[in-house]
Amino acid sequence: MESASQSLILVIGKDAQLFELIRKATDERTKVDYVSAESEGLNQLRETRPQIIILTSSEPAESVIGLSRKLREGWISRHSSLLVVEHNAANDTYRILSEENISMNLGPYLFQAGKAVAPVSGEQFIPALGKVINAELKARENRFKNAILDPDGFCLVWEQIPGPGAFETRQEIVLENARKAARSNRICAISVTDNPGGNPAIATDVLCAEIKRSGIEPLVHIAFRDRNRNQAESLLFQLAALDINNLLVLTGDYPSHLGFTGKAKPVFDLDSVNGLRLIAEMNRGLEREIMRKSTRLAPTNFFAGVAFSPFKQMEAEVMGQYFKLKKKIEAGAHFVITQVGYDARKLHELLMWLKVFGYKIPVLASIYVLSYPVARAMRANHIPGCVVTAKLLRQLASESASEDHGKQLRLERAAKMLAIVKGMGYKGAYISGQALPFESLE
């Protein structure tokens, strides 16, 4: 597979001159390969997995439409964007056909950024094709990854908790929230929890596939508490096949008593550190022995992060957390999200530790919009890793007696925290809250 910094386009067709024009429409960050035979093209795309496949045809032909359908049905080729470029030699015009053109039989149109215009002349073809290619490549980018690695950006992630059941209102709300976030263009990812608190819930991969189709990047949690290494590997293959690449890797809370007829048996075959090592190997191309022959599987494109709590008080607990974070970073973590906490000094302490040890890894601060009922549960230690002081609990109790039950004040508190962490140098915020509506998020 091509390097992560270079995009790959595969051109299939017998028109070598048209290939040269296509190559001129790209920049140095894009590699363009060319094959003339259909069978050779099918074999090559299985090896190289290009971002875009372009079929060339001097005139409309059933063979081109047939090949395009074959590519859409292929397990590997369906993950590439597909374009058809046709050249009418009689009047020297070109048509650039998208998948929608072919499936809707709208051949006489050039689709560019969702708009249909007339075929273009020879001198207009290269810039027009360049725009189409750039739009296709941009649509395929990992927007969450780009946002969190942008040196001038501040990324917002919104957590969703889908809960148990297959046909529940709660899951419908998750998808509606994802659609609202996608339309707003202010949220860079929707985070979906994996059996939070050790409680059974709908599988994250199902909802994340729906969220991605709604136009926003999903960030899927993977808790190794519930899976052995074979199950974890299978899940990761499935996510890669669904083009879901953003992961939050967790060891996971101990199972609760809410499982069928009692407490579930924990697995913990791999912890988060070894889970990261597995993901790093998959990104390089996992080696497997198949039919007594060593085979390297196709590399994945996972962008994996980890959770971390800087809010411990005792030195032994604090150092244990930081030693574990060091292992996670060295195992391949790409970003860090803090657990829920409200101590600004501890949040700053994490950034100072990363600076001292030279770790240039982006960190998102967890901002939980805290209500009084949830604060009581945290104070009673019913939610592992979340700390609420007695002083904060008294303050929330007083606020909850107001006319709006403290809603405005807790939103203001969250907004102040966001301003603090942004000023400290955090790369973004991970926003969560029980039944938090999109209107409150704005």
Foldseek 3Di string as FASTA:
>chain_A
DDDPQAAEEEEEADPVVVQVLQVLLDDPRYYYHYDHDLVVSVVVCVVVVGQEYEYEDQDDDVVVLVSVVVLCPDLRSVNHFYWYWYADPVQQWIEIGGPCCSVVVVGQFHAAPRDTDGTGHNVCPSPRSSRRVVVSVVLLDLQLVCQLPPQPHAAEEEEAEQFADDDDVSLVQLLVQLLVCQVVVRHQEYEYEACALQHDHPHQLVSQLSSVVSRHAYEYEDAQFADAPVVLVVVVVVCQSSVRAHYEYAVHHQHDQNPDVGTDDTDSNDGRLVSLLVLVCLQVFPWDQDPNRIDGHDHGRHQYAYEAELPDDDPVVNVVRVVVVVSNVVSPHQAYEYDDDDDLVSVLVVVVVCVVVVNPHAYAYEQELDALVVLVCVCVVVRPPHDDDPVNNVVRVVLCPDPVRNNVVSLVSSVVVQVSVVVSPHNYYYYYYDVDHVVSVD
